Amino acid sequence: MSDWLTTILIFLPVAGALLCFVLPVGEYAIASFALLVALAEVGVWIETLVRFDFSGGLQFDQRTSWFSDLNVSYHVGLLPFSVWLIGLTTVVLAAAIAYAFWTGRDRPRAYYGLMLVLTGAIVGVFAAQDLLLFYVFFEAMLIPLYVLVGVWGGAGRLGATFKLIVYTMAGSLLMLVAIIVLGLSQNTFDLIDGGTSNSSWLFLAFAFAFAIKAPLFPFHGWLPDAYREASPEVSAVLSGVVSKAAAYGFLRIAIAKFPGPTDDFRVVILVLAAVGLVYGSLLAFRAPDLRGVIAYSSLAQMGLITLGLFAANDLGLDGAVLQMVNHGLISATLFLLAGGIERRTATGEFLLLGGMARGRPALATVLMTTGIIALAVPGSGAFAGEFLILAGVFQEHWLYAVVGAAGIVFAAMYMLRLISGVLHQERGSAVSDAALDLRPAELGFLLPLVGCLLALSVWPAAISEHAFPGTRATVNVNSNFKRACEQIEAQRPSTKCFVLEAEGTITLP
């Protein structure tokens, strides 16, 4: 079975979606079945995690020729860092489906089917080891998102969907051209067999596509409307998981396959990430509503994660992956909480909220716990991730670390404002005594997310020390290159180390 685990992770939810479309049962049964499939997906991931050897590289891989004339194959497999991102996907999507089950959705066959298709597509993005297959899953991920936002969104859903389509299609078309050119030039589309490229244009095409999907400043124009107009569980998936697929693309393709252009454009990308971190934080602090704070904080956090990725050293990369998982869980929890608050008060405006801590201990506890972790207080998983990123980017230049530290201070400001605006300020007109505390069903999908955050706070090294063993494609070196190569070859006698033209980067074949 272990040889099929990756394929099962991808196609189990897809098979569940097909059954949702055709099963002749009632609405409640369809919702129950979809939730059961989502929980089974979590179980398969746990089985994968138990069997995975984090001291090795690619595992549970399968390869079958797809288009032999072009050397395109169905090649999937798991690397250590992708295991954690797939786990984030399965947990967040299960919580999102459980939220929809609790609130109820019209046309449940289509709705739950699309949510399960989305699960399989995102897992496919993290598991694909062929460029063309990666593109197929990347585009397949967007199709259900368009429908979920456009059909089940709020009053402004059509405008939000239009912006989402325009932005993402522009990036996707550029990425497709880059994939074709890169694959044909190397005579293979395989990410394992293919080599690296020094083409700046191809690098920029990939980077542009991933920057839109993350999103990164200044490609975030679709973010405010989409996050506000989508249903809470879809916003949770967009912010918590889909943005991480873009960060994964940076890590797996842009950085790993283009070491020279990565070094050439590192300063530009780091500056944009730093600007996005500060800009998103300021917008989050000024946002008048719950979803606005969470949406713009996602823009800021993706800037921080990008700082870690393009620091291109051990500390930055480890911190970036840890923070991807941390932020995915935090933003998903906050969006689901925002949905529960909106159901009770019919608004997310801070001027109309307040005083909800009184008589609602469960809501206050869950929101406070999540908010404190998001504050990155010492001892939290978010603190570990952000500290690693700052330490990594400090090695590139101290100024980036200063900006990153300022962004963390801003994060404390907007998160404290969110907590105070909901729980502690004077009670607004939208909050009545009849507004209930969190129900057991809500705790059923919120507490696992909070539990994962607490577990990462206790043991962040589960990710930071097990994300890249034996798999990192590039290592940044600031000392004598020849001596660094000699040290690597002494530690790994079977490895030949080559110094690239790009200053400060060595490649481990």
Protein backbone atom coordinates (compact mmCIF):
# COMPACT_ATOMS: atom_id res chain seq x y z
CA MET A 1 0.00 0.00 0.00
CA SER A 2 2.84 2.40 0.78
CA ASP A 3 3.74 2.69 -2.92
CA TRP A 4 0.23 4.01 -3.56
CA LEU A 5 -0.09 6.40 -0.64
CA THR A 6 0.64 9.53 -2.68
CA THR A 7 -1.85 8.58 -5.38
CA ILE A 8 -4.44 7.71 -2.74
CA LEU A 9 -3.95 11.12 -1.11
CA ILE A 10 -4.60 12.80 -4.46
CA PHE A 11 -7.51 10.76 -5.78
CA LEU A 12 -9.40 9.67 -2.66
CA PRO A 13 -11.15 13.07 -2.38
CA VAL A 14 -11.68 13.17 -6.16
CA ALA A 15 -13.41 9.77 -6.02
CA GLY A 16 -15.47 11.05 -3.09
CA ALA A 17 -16.44 14.09 -5.16
CA LEU A 18 -17.69 11.92 -8.03
CA LEU A 19 -19.82 9.93 -5.60
CA CYS A 20 -21.22 13.17 -4.17
CA PHE A 21 -22.32 14.14 -7.68
CA VAL A 22 -24.13 10.84 -8.41
CA LEU A 23 -25.26 9.24 -5.12
CA PRO A 24 -29.09 9.20 -4.90
CA VAL A 25 -29.28 10.26 -1.25
CA GLY A 26 -30.51 13.30 0.64
CA GLU A 27 -28.71 16.53 1.45
CA TYR A 28 -27.76 15.53 4.98
CA ALA A 29 -26.33 12.23 3.77
CA ILE A 30 -24.27 13.97 1.09
CA ALA A 31 -22.80 16.38 3.64
CA SER A 32 -22.08 13.51 6.04
CA PHE A 33 -20.41 11.49 3.28
CA ALA A 34 -18.21 14.43 2.23
CA LEU A 35 -17.09 14.96 5.81
CA LEU A 36 -16.33 11.25 6.14
CA VAL A 37 -14.17 11.36 3.00
CA ALA A 38 -12.33 14.44 4.33
CA LEU A 39 -11.64 12.68 7.64
CA ALA A 40 -10.47 9.57 5.77
CA GLU A 41 -8.04 11.82 3.88
CA VAL A 42 -6.65 13.02 7.21
CA GLY A 43 -6.27 9.39 8.26
CA VAL A 44 -4.34 8.51 5.09
CA TRP A 45 -2.04 11.47 5.70
CA ILE A 46 -1.39 10.33 9.27
CA GLU A 47 -0.51 6.88 7.90
CA THR A 48 1.87 8.57 5.43
CA LEU A 49 3.45 10.63 8.19
CA VAL A 50 4.06 7.55 10.34
CA ARG A 51 5.71 5.66 7.46
CA PHE A 52 7.73 8.57 6.09
CA ASP A 53 11.50 8.52 6.63
CA PHE A 54 12.50 12.14 7.23
CA SER A 55 16.19 11.34 6.82
CA GLY A 56 15.65 10.61 3.14
CA GLY A 57 14.54 12.41 0.02
CA LEU A 58 11.70 11.65 -2.39
CA GLN A 59 9.46 8.83 -1.15
CA PHE A 60 6.19 7.08 -2.03
CA ASP A 61 6.80 8.09 -5.65
CA GLN A 62 5.09 6.65 -8.70
CA ARG A 63 6.00 7.29 -12.31
CA THR A 64 4.01 6.29 -15.39
CA SER A 65 4.60 7.60 -18.89
CA TRP A 66 1.91 10.09 -19.90
CA PHE A 67 3.08 11.62 -23.22
CA SER A 68 6.12 9.60 -24.22
CA ASP A 69 6.95 11.82 -27.21
CA LEU A 70 7.48 14.77 -24.87
CA ASN A 71 8.85 12.80 -21.90
CA VAL A 72 5.88 13.85 -19.79
CA SER A 73 4.90 11.45 -17.02
CA TYR A 74 2.48 11.01 -14.18
CA HIS A 75 5.21 11.36 -11.56
CA VAL A 76 4.17 12.01 -7.98
CA GLY A 77 6.01 11.66 -4.72
CA LEU A 78 6.62 13.28 -1.37
CA LEU A 79 9.54 15.32 -0.10
CA PRO A 80 9.86 16.04 3.63
CA PHE A 81 8.57 19.62 3.41
CA SER A 82 5.68 18.65 1.13
CA VAL A 83 4.47 16.08 3.68
CA TRP A 84 3.78 18.90 6.16
CA LEU A 85 2.02 21.05 3.56
CA ILE A 86 -0.20 18.14 2.54
CA GLY A 87 -1.02 17.64 6.21
CA LEU A 88 -1.99 21.31 6.46
CA THR A 89 -4.22 20.85 3.41
CA THR A 90 -6.06 17.80 4.69
CA VAL A 91 -6.67 19.26 8.15
CA VAL A 92 -7.87 22.68 6.93
CA LEU A 93 -10.12 21.23 4.20
CA ALA A 94 -11.66 18.79 6.70
CA ALA A 95 -12.39 21.69 9.08
CA ALA A 96 -13.83 23.75 6.20
CA ILE A 97 -16.15 20.94 5.12
CA ALA A 98 -17.20 20.42 8.73
CA TYR A 99 -18.02 24.14 8.99
CA ALA A 100 -20.14 23.94 5.85
CA PHE A 101 -21.86 20.84 7.24
CA TRP A 102 -22.70 22.73 10.42
CA THR A 103 -23.99 25.88 8.69
CA GLY A 104 -25.66 24.15 5.74
CA ARG A 105 -25.17 24.95 2.05
CA ASP A 106 -27.70 24.95 -0.74
CA ARG A 107 -27.04 22.64 -3.71
CA PRO A 108 -24.92 20.40 -1.46
CA ARG A 109 -24.04 17.87 -4.17
CA ALA A 110 -22.20 20.48 -6.20
CA TYR A 111 -20.81 22.28 -3.18
CA TYR A 112 -19.27 19.32 -1.36
CA GLY A 113 -18.15 17.74 -4.62
CA LEU A 114 -16.23 20.90 -5.49
CA MET A 115 -14.68 21.11 -2.04
CA LEU A 116 -13.40 17.53 -2.39
CA VAL A 117 -12.07 18.18 -5.91
CA LEU A 118 -10.27 21.20 -4.50
CA THR A 119 -8.70 19.00 -1.81
CA GLY A 120 -7.35 16.55 -4.37
CA ALA A 121 -6.03 19.30 -6.63
CA ILE A 122 -4.12 21.06 -3.84
CA VAL A 123 -2.60 17.79 -2.66
CA GLY A 124 -1.64 17.14 -6.29
CA VAL A 125 0.21 20.46 -6.45
CA PHE A 126 2.31 19.48 -3.42
CA ALA A 127 2.96 15.96 -4.74
CA ALA A 128 3.61 16.53 -8.47
CA GLN A 129 7.16 15.82 -9.63
CA ASP A 130 6.53 16.67 -13.29
CA LEU A 131 6.21 20.28 -14.43
CA LEU A 132 3.27 19.71 -16.74
CA LEU A 133 1.50 17.61 -14.11
CA PHE A 134 2.15 20.40 -11.60
CA TYR A 135 0.50 22.85 -13.98
CA VAL A 136 -2.54 20.56 -14.43
CA PHE A 137 -3.10 20.37 -10.69
CA PHE A 138 -2.37 24.09 -10.24
CA GLU A 139 -5.08 24.96 -12.77
CA ALA A 140 -7.46 22.28 -11.51
CA MET A 141 -7.20 23.90 -8.09
CA LEU A 142 -8.55 27.17 -9.50
CA ILE A 143 -11.67 25.77 -11.23
CA PRO A 144 -13.59 24.82 -8.05
CA LEU A 145 -12.43 28.05 -6.40
CA TYR A 146 -14.00 30.14 -9.18
CA VAL A 147 -17.33 28.34 -8.74
CA LEU A 148 -17.25 28.29 -4.93
CA VAL A 149 -16.65 32.04 -4.78
CA GLY A 150 -18.91 32.95 -7.70
CA VAL A 151 -21.94 30.86 -6.68
CA TRP A 152 -21.82 30.63 -2.88
CA GLY A 153 -20.18 33.99 -2.15
CA GLY A 154 -21.67 37.24 -0.86
CA ALA A 155 -23.38 40.11 -2.64
CA GLY A 156 -20.19 41.20 -4.41
CA ARG A 157 -19.18 37.70 -5.46
CA LEU A 158 -19.29 38.32 -9.24
CA GLY A 159 -16.82 41.19 -9.07
CA ALA A 160 -14.57 39.21 -6.74
CA THR A 161 -14.64 36.21 -9.08
CA PHE A 162 -13.87 38.39 -12.11
CA LYS A 163 -10.79 39.86 -10.41
CA LEU A 164 -9.66 36.42 -9.32
CA ILE A 165 -9.97 35.09 -12.88
CA VAL A 166 -8.19 38.02 -14.55
CA TYR A 167 -5.25 38.01 -12.16
CA THR A 168 -4.73 34.26 -12.03
CA MET A 169 -5.19 33.62 -15.74
CA ALA A 170 -2.50 36.17 -16.57
CA GLY A 171 -0.04 34.42 -14.29
CA SER A 172 -1.06 30.92 -15.34
CA LEU A 173 -0.58 31.56 -19.06
CA LEU A 174 2.91 32.92 -18.46
CA MET A 175 3.74 29.89 -16.34
CA LEU A 176 2.49 27.51 -19.04
CA VAL A 177 4.76 29.14 -21.63
CA ALA A 178 7.69 28.89 -19.22
CA ILE A 179 6.97 25.20 -18.53
CA ILE A 180 6.85 24.38 -22.24
CA VAL A 181 10.09 26.22 -23.01
CA LEU A 182 11.92 24.75 -20.01
CA GLY A 183 10.68 21.20 -20.65
CA LEU A 184 11.51 21.20 -24.35
CA SER A 185 14.95 22.73 -23.75
CA GLN A 186 15.80 19.96 -21.27
CA ASN A 187 13.97 17.22 -23.18
CA THR A 188 12.12 16.34 -19.99
CA PHE A 189 9.48 17.91 -17.80
CA ASP A 190 10.48 15.88 -14.76
CA LEU A 191 11.49 17.90 -11.70
CA ILE A 192 13.84 15.16 -10.50
CA ASP A 193 15.56 14.32 -13.78
CA GLY A 194 15.64 17.85 -15.17
CA GLY A 195 18.53 20.17 -14.48
CA THR A 196 18.69 23.85 -13.65
CA SER A 197 18.35 26.87 -15.93
CA ASN A 198 19.93 30.31 -16.05
CA SER A 199 17.07 31.92 -17.97
CA SER A 200 15.91 35.07 -16.21
CA TRP A 201 12.77 35.29 -18.36
CA LEU A 202 11.61 31.80 -17.41
CA PHE A 203 12.31 32.50 -13.76
CA LEU A 204 10.28 35.72 -13.91
CA ALA A 205 7.36 33.94 -15.60
CA PHE A 206 7.18 31.39 -12.77
CA ALA A 207 7.73 34.05 -10.10
CA PHE A 208 4.95 36.23 -11.55
CA ALA A 209 2.44 33.36 -11.45
CA PHE A 210 3.32 32.43 -7.88
CA ALA A 211 3.37 36.05 -6.71
CA ILE A 212 -0.21 36.51 -7.92
CA LYS A 213 -1.47 33.35 -6.27
CA ALA A 214 0.26 33.99 -2.92
CA PRO A 215 -0.49 36.97 -3.24
CA LEU A 216 2.53 39.23 -2.85
CA PHE A 217 2.68 43.00 -3.09
CA PRO A 218 1.89 44.55 -5.59
CA PHE A 219 -0.06 41.64 -7.15
CA HIS A 220 -2.71 41.44 -4.42
CA GLY A 221 -5.54 43.38 -6.08
CA TRP A 222 -7.86 40.35 -6.05
CA LEU A 223 -7.33 39.57 -2.36
CA PRO A 224 -9.66 41.98 -0.46
CA ASP A 225 -12.79 41.20 -2.48
CA ALA A 226 -12.21 37.45 -2.70
CA TYR A 227 -11.53 37.02 1.03
CA ARG A 228 -14.50 39.19 2.01
CA GLU A 229 -17.05 37.83 -0.49
CA ALA A 230 -16.26 34.12 -0.32
CA SER A 231 -18.02 32.02 2.29
CA PRO A 232 -15.95 31.78 5.51
CA GLU A 233 -14.75 28.23 4.88
CA VAL A 234 -13.63 29.07 1.32
CA SER A 235 -11.80 32.15 2.60
CA ALA A 236 -10.13 29.87 5.15
CA VAL A 237 -8.93 27.60 2.34
CA LEU A 238 -7.80 30.52 0.17
CA SER A 239 -5.76 32.11 2.93
CA GLY A 240 -4.68 28.99 4.78
CA VAL A 241 -3.81 26.60 1.96
CA VAL A 242 -4.00 28.04 -1.58
CA SER A 243 -1.51 30.79 -0.76
CA LYS A 244 0.89 28.09 0.48
CA ALA A 245 0.68 26.35 -2.89
CA ALA A 246 2.19 29.50 -4.38
CA ALA A 247 4.94 29.61 -1.75
CA TYR A 248 5.62 25.94 -2.47
CA GLY A 249 5.97 26.83 -6.16
CA PHE A 250 8.61 29.42 -5.26
CA LEU A 251 10.49 26.82 -3.23
CA ARG A 252 10.13 23.76 -5.47
CA ILE A 253 10.48 25.39 -8.91
CA ALA A 254 11.59 29.02 -8.93
CA ILE A 255 14.38 28.69 -6.36
CA ALA A 256 15.41 25.08 -6.95
CA LYS A 257 15.43 25.20 -10.76
CA PHE A 258 16.76 28.73 -11.29
CA PRO A 259 19.63 29.25 -8.81
CA GLY A 260 21.34 31.89 -10.95
CA PRO A 261 18.28 34.08 -11.58
CA THR A 262 17.23 33.58 -7.95
CA ASP A 263 20.49 35.17 -6.91
CA ASP A 264 20.15 37.91 -9.55
CA PHE A 265 16.63 38.92 -8.50
CA ARG A 266 16.94 38.15 -4.80
CA VAL A 267 17.24 41.79 -3.75
CA VAL A 268 14.21 42.86 -5.81
CA ILE A 269 12.04 40.07 -4.39
CA LEU A 270 13.24 40.64 -0.83
CA VAL A 271 12.45 44.35 -1.12
CA LEU A 272 8.94 43.63 -2.48
CA ALA A 273 8.38 41.08 0.29
CA ALA A 274 9.49 43.57 2.93
CA VAL A 275 7.23 46.28 1.49
CA GLY A 276 4.34 43.82 1.39
CA LEU A 277 4.94 42.86 5.01
CA VAL A 278 4.74 46.45 6.22
CA TYR A 279 2.00 47.52 3.80
CA GLY A 280 -0.22 44.53 4.59
CA SER A 281 0.28 45.05 8.32
CA LEU A 282 -0.75 48.71 8.12
CA LEU A 283 -3.84 47.87 6.05
CA ALA A 284 -4.74 45.14 8.53
CA PHE A 285 -4.45 47.59 11.41
CA ARG A 286 -6.77 50.06 9.65
CA ALA A 287 -9.31 47.51 8.36
CA PRO A 288 -12.78 48.18 9.80
CA ASP A 289 -13.91 44.55 9.86
CA LEU A 290 -12.87 41.09 10.94
CA ARG A 291 -12.29 39.65 7.50
CA GLY A 292 -10.35 42.71 6.42
CA VAL A 293 -7.87 42.26 9.27
CA ILE A 294 -7.42 38.56 8.51
CA ALA A 295 -7.13 39.14 4.74
CA TYR A 296 -4.49 41.86 4.94
CA SER A 297 -2.62 40.00 7.66
CA SER A 298 -2.34 37.13 5.16
CA LEU A 299 -0.73 39.54 2.68
CA ALA A 300 1.73 40.58 5.38
CA GLN A 301 2.51 37.01 6.44
CA MET A 302 3.13 35.90 2.86
CA GLY A 303 5.65 38.74 2.63
CA LEU A 304 7.38 37.41 5.74
CA ILE A 305 7.39 33.84 4.39
CA THR A 306 8.87 35.08 1.11
CA LEU A 307 11.65 36.81 3.05
CA GLY A 308 12.54 33.44 4.53
CA LEU A 309 12.39 31.62 1.19
CA PHE A 310 14.63 34.07 -0.65
CA ALA A 311 17.10 34.34 2.19
CA ALA A 312 18.10 30.98 0.64
CA ASN A 313 19.84 29.58 3.70
CA ASP A 314 19.03 26.88 6.21
CA LEU A 315 17.45 29.13 8.82
CA GLY A 316 15.29 31.07 6.37
CA LEU A 317 13.99 28.01 4.55
CA ASP A 318 13.24 26.07 7.73
CA GLY A 319 11.45 29.09 9.20
CA ALA A 320 9.48 29.67 5.99
CA VAL A 321 8.08 26.14 5.91
CA LEU A 322 7.26 26.22 9.62
CA GLN A 323 5.54 29.58 9.20
CA MET A 324 3.56 28.31 6.19
CA VAL A 325 1.99 25.67 8.41
CA ASN A 326 1.57 28.04 11.35
CA HIS A 327 -0.09 30.76 9.33
CA GLY A 328 -2.27 28.28 7.44
CA LEU A 329 -3.72 27.00 10.71
CA ILE A 330 -4.03 30.47 12.24
CA SER A 331 -5.79 32.10 9.28
CA ALA A 332 -8.12 29.14 8.79
CA THR A 333 -9.13 29.23 12.46
CA LEU A 334 -9.70 32.99 12.39
CA PHE A 335 -11.82 32.88 9.23
CA LEU A 336 -14.01 30.10 10.66
CA LEU A 337 -14.36 32.08 13.89
CA ALA A 338 -15.25 35.16 11.84
CA GLY A 339 -17.95 33.16 10.11
CA GLY A 340 -19.39 32.08 13.45
CA ILE A 341 -19.37 35.65 14.73
CA GLU A 342 -21.05 36.93 11.55
CA ARG A 343 -23.77 34.29 11.92
CA ARG A 344 -24.49 35.51 15.44
CA THR A 345 -24.37 39.24 14.77
CA ALA A 346 -24.99 39.57 10.98
CA THR A 347 -21.88 41.77 10.72
CA GLY A 348 -18.12 41.76 10.98
CA GLU A 349 -17.76 45.51 11.55
CA PHE A 350 -15.83 46.37 14.71
CA LEU A 351 -18.04 49.41 15.37
CA LEU A 352 -21.01 47.09 15.81
CA LEU A 353 -19.23 44.33 17.73
CA GLY A 354 -17.65 44.15 21.17
CA GLY A 355 -18.34 42.68 24.57
CA MET A 356 -18.63 39.11 23.27
CA ALA A 357 -16.34 37.71 25.97
CA ARG A 358 -19.07 38.13 28.56
CA GLY A 359 -21.13 34.96 28.78
CA ARG A 360 -19.26 33.24 25.94
CA PRO A 361 -16.21 31.58 27.53
CA ALA A 362 -15.60 29.09 24.70
CA LEU A 363 -15.55 31.81 22.03
CA ALA A 364 -13.28 33.99 24.17
CA THR A 365 -10.88 31.11 24.90
CA VAL A 366 -10.55 29.93 21.29
CA LEU A 367 -10.14 33.46 19.90
CA MET A 368 -7.68 34.49 22.62
CA THR A 369 -5.59 31.34 22.19
CA THR A 370 -5.42 31.69 18.42
CA GLY A 371 -4.75 35.42 18.66
CA ILE A 372 -1.96 35.02 21.19
CA ILE A 373 -0.24 32.43 18.99
CA ALA A 374 -0.65 34.80 16.02
CA LEU A 375 1.02 37.49 18.14
CA ALA A 376 4.14 35.29 18.04
CA VAL A 377 4.66 35.45 21.78
CA PRO A 378 7.77 33.55 22.94
CA GLY A 379 6.94 29.89 23.28
CA SER A 380 4.49 29.81 20.38
CA GLY A 381 5.03 28.07 17.06
CA ALA A 382 4.63 31.37 15.24
CA PHE A 383 7.45 32.83 17.34
CA ALA A 384 9.73 29.95 16.33
CA GLY A 385 8.90 30.36 12.65
CA GLU A 386 9.31 34.12 12.61
CA PHE A 387 12.53 33.99 14.64
CA LEU A 388 14.06 31.51 12.18
CA ILE A 389 13.03 33.71 9.24
CA LEU A 390 14.53 36.83 10.84
CA ALA A 391 17.75 34.98 11.67
CA GLY A 392 17.95 33.69 8.11
CA VAL A 393 17.24 36.98 6.38
CA PHE A 394 19.68 38.76 8.73
CA GLN A 395 22.44 36.78 7.03
CA GLU A 396 21.41 38.39 3.74
CA HIS A 397 21.27 41.94 5.17
CA TRP A 398 20.48 43.32 8.58
CA LEU A 399 17.97 45.81 7.14
CA TYR A 400 15.59 43.02 6.08
CA ALA A 401 15.64 41.68 9.63
CA VAL A 402 14.78 45.14 10.97
CA VAL A 403 11.82 45.41 8.59
CA GLY A 404 10.75 41.88 9.53
CA ALA A 405 10.90 42.73 13.22
CA ALA A 406 8.81 45.86 12.58
CA GLY A 407 6.26 43.70 10.77
CA ILE A 408 6.02 41.44 13.81
CA VAL A 409 5.35 44.48 16.01
CA PHE A 410 2.61 45.60 13.60
CA ALA A 411 1.15 42.09 13.74
CA ALA A 412 0.82 42.41 17.50
CA MET A 413 -1.02 45.71 17.01
CA TYR A 414 -3.63 44.46 14.55
CA MET A 415 -4.19 41.16 16.35
CA LEU A 416 -4.72 42.93 19.67
CA ARG A 417 -7.12 45.27 17.90
CA LEU A 418 -9.05 42.28 16.52
CA ILE A 419 -9.27 40.58 19.91
CA SER A 420 -10.32 43.78 21.66
CA GLY A 421 -12.80 44.72 18.94
CA VAL A 422 -14.64 41.41 19.27
CA LEU A 423 -14.31 40.52 22.93
CA HIS A 424 -13.52 43.48 25.15
CA GLN A 425 -14.58 46.87 23.83
CA GLU A 426 -17.99 48.26 24.72
CA ARG A 427 -20.75 46.07 23.37
CA GLY A 428 -22.02 47.22 19.98
CA SER A 429 -25.56 47.34 18.66
CA ALA A 430 -25.19 44.09 16.70
CA VAL A 431 -24.38 42.00 19.80
CA SER A 432 -27.39 40.81 21.77
CA ASP A 433 -27.75 38.64 24.84
CA ALA A 434 -29.28 35.99 22.58
CA ALA A 435 -25.98 35.51 20.71
CA LEU A 436 -24.87 32.03 21.81
CA ASP A 437 -21.44 30.78 22.75
CA LEU A 438 -19.62 28.33 20.45
CA ARG A 439 -21.67 25.16 20.06
CA PRO A 440 -20.19 21.64 20.43
CA ALA A 441 -20.28 21.16 16.65
CA GLU A 442 -18.23 24.34 16.17
CA LEU A 443 -15.74 23.23 18.78
CA GLY A 444 -15.50 19.95 16.88
CA PHE A 445 -13.79 21.63 13.90
CA LEU A 446 -12.10 24.53 15.72
CA LEU A 447 -10.39 22.64 18.53
CA PRO A 448 -8.38 20.33 16.20
CA LEU A 449 -6.98 23.41 14.46
CA VAL A 450 -6.09 25.03 17.79
CA GLY A 451 -4.70 21.71 19.00
CA CYS A 452 -2.35 21.57 16.01
CA LEU A 453 -1.18 25.11 16.77
CA LEU A 454 -0.50 24.19 20.38
CA ALA A 455 1.36 21.05 19.31
CA LEU A 456 3.60 23.11 17.03
CA SER A 457 4.19 25.53 19.89
CA VAL A 458 5.39 22.66 22.05
CA TRP A 459 7.47 21.03 19.30
CA PRO A 460 8.21 23.35 16.34
CA ALA A 461 11.27 21.25 15.55
CA ALA A 462 8.92 18.56 14.22
CA ILE A 463 8.81 20.70 11.08
CA SER A 464 11.86 22.97 11.26
CA GLU A 465 14.29 20.06 11.72
CA HIS A 466 12.50 17.65 9.39
CA ALA A 467 11.66 19.77 6.36
CA PHE A 468 14.84 19.52 4.31
CA PRO A 469 17.16 16.67 5.38
CA GLY A 470 19.01 15.47 2.31
CA THR A 471 16.76 17.31 -0.14
CA ARG A 472 17.82 20.96 -0.25
CA ALA A 473 18.80 21.97 -3.75
CA THR A 474 20.85 25.05 -2.89
CA VAL A 475 22.75 26.34 0.10
CA ASN A 476 23.82 29.94 0.51
CA VAL A 477 27.48 30.38 1.37
CA ASN A 478 29.10 33.62 2.51
CA SER A 479 32.59 32.29 3.10
CA ASN A 480 35.22 30.61 0.98
CA PHE A 481 33.36 28.59 -1.69
CA LYS A 482 36.14 26.09 -2.25
CA ARG A 483 36.42 25.32 1.43
CA ALA A 484 32.63 24.91 1.67
CA CYS A 485 32.69 22.41 -1.17
CA GLU A 486 35.54 20.48 0.43
CA GLN A 487 33.59 20.25 3.68
CA ILE A 488 30.50 18.97 1.89
CA GLU A 489 32.45 16.37 -0.07
CA ALA A 490 34.16 15.23 3.14
CA GLN A 491 30.76 14.71 4.79
CA ARG A 492 29.26 13.06 1.70
CA PRO A 493 32.03 11.23 -0.19
CA SER A 494 29.68 10.22 -3.02
CA THR A 495 28.73 13.85 -3.71
CA LYS A 496 30.55 16.12 -6.13
CA CYS A 497 30.08 19.80 -5.34
CA PHE A 498 30.13 22.40 -8.11
CA VAL A 499 30.40 26.15 -7.63
CA LEU A 500 27.90 28.02 -9.79
CA GLU A 501 28.52 31.36 -11.50
CA ALA A 502 25.85 32.87 -9.24
CA GLU A 503 27.84 34.26 -6.35
CA GLY A 504 27.13 32.74 -3.00
CA THR A 505 25.33 29.63 -4.16
CA ILE A 506 26.49 26.05 -4.39
CA THR A 507 24.52 23.15 -5.79
CA LEU A 508 24.30 19.69 -4.29
CA PRO A 509 23.45 17.25 -7.11
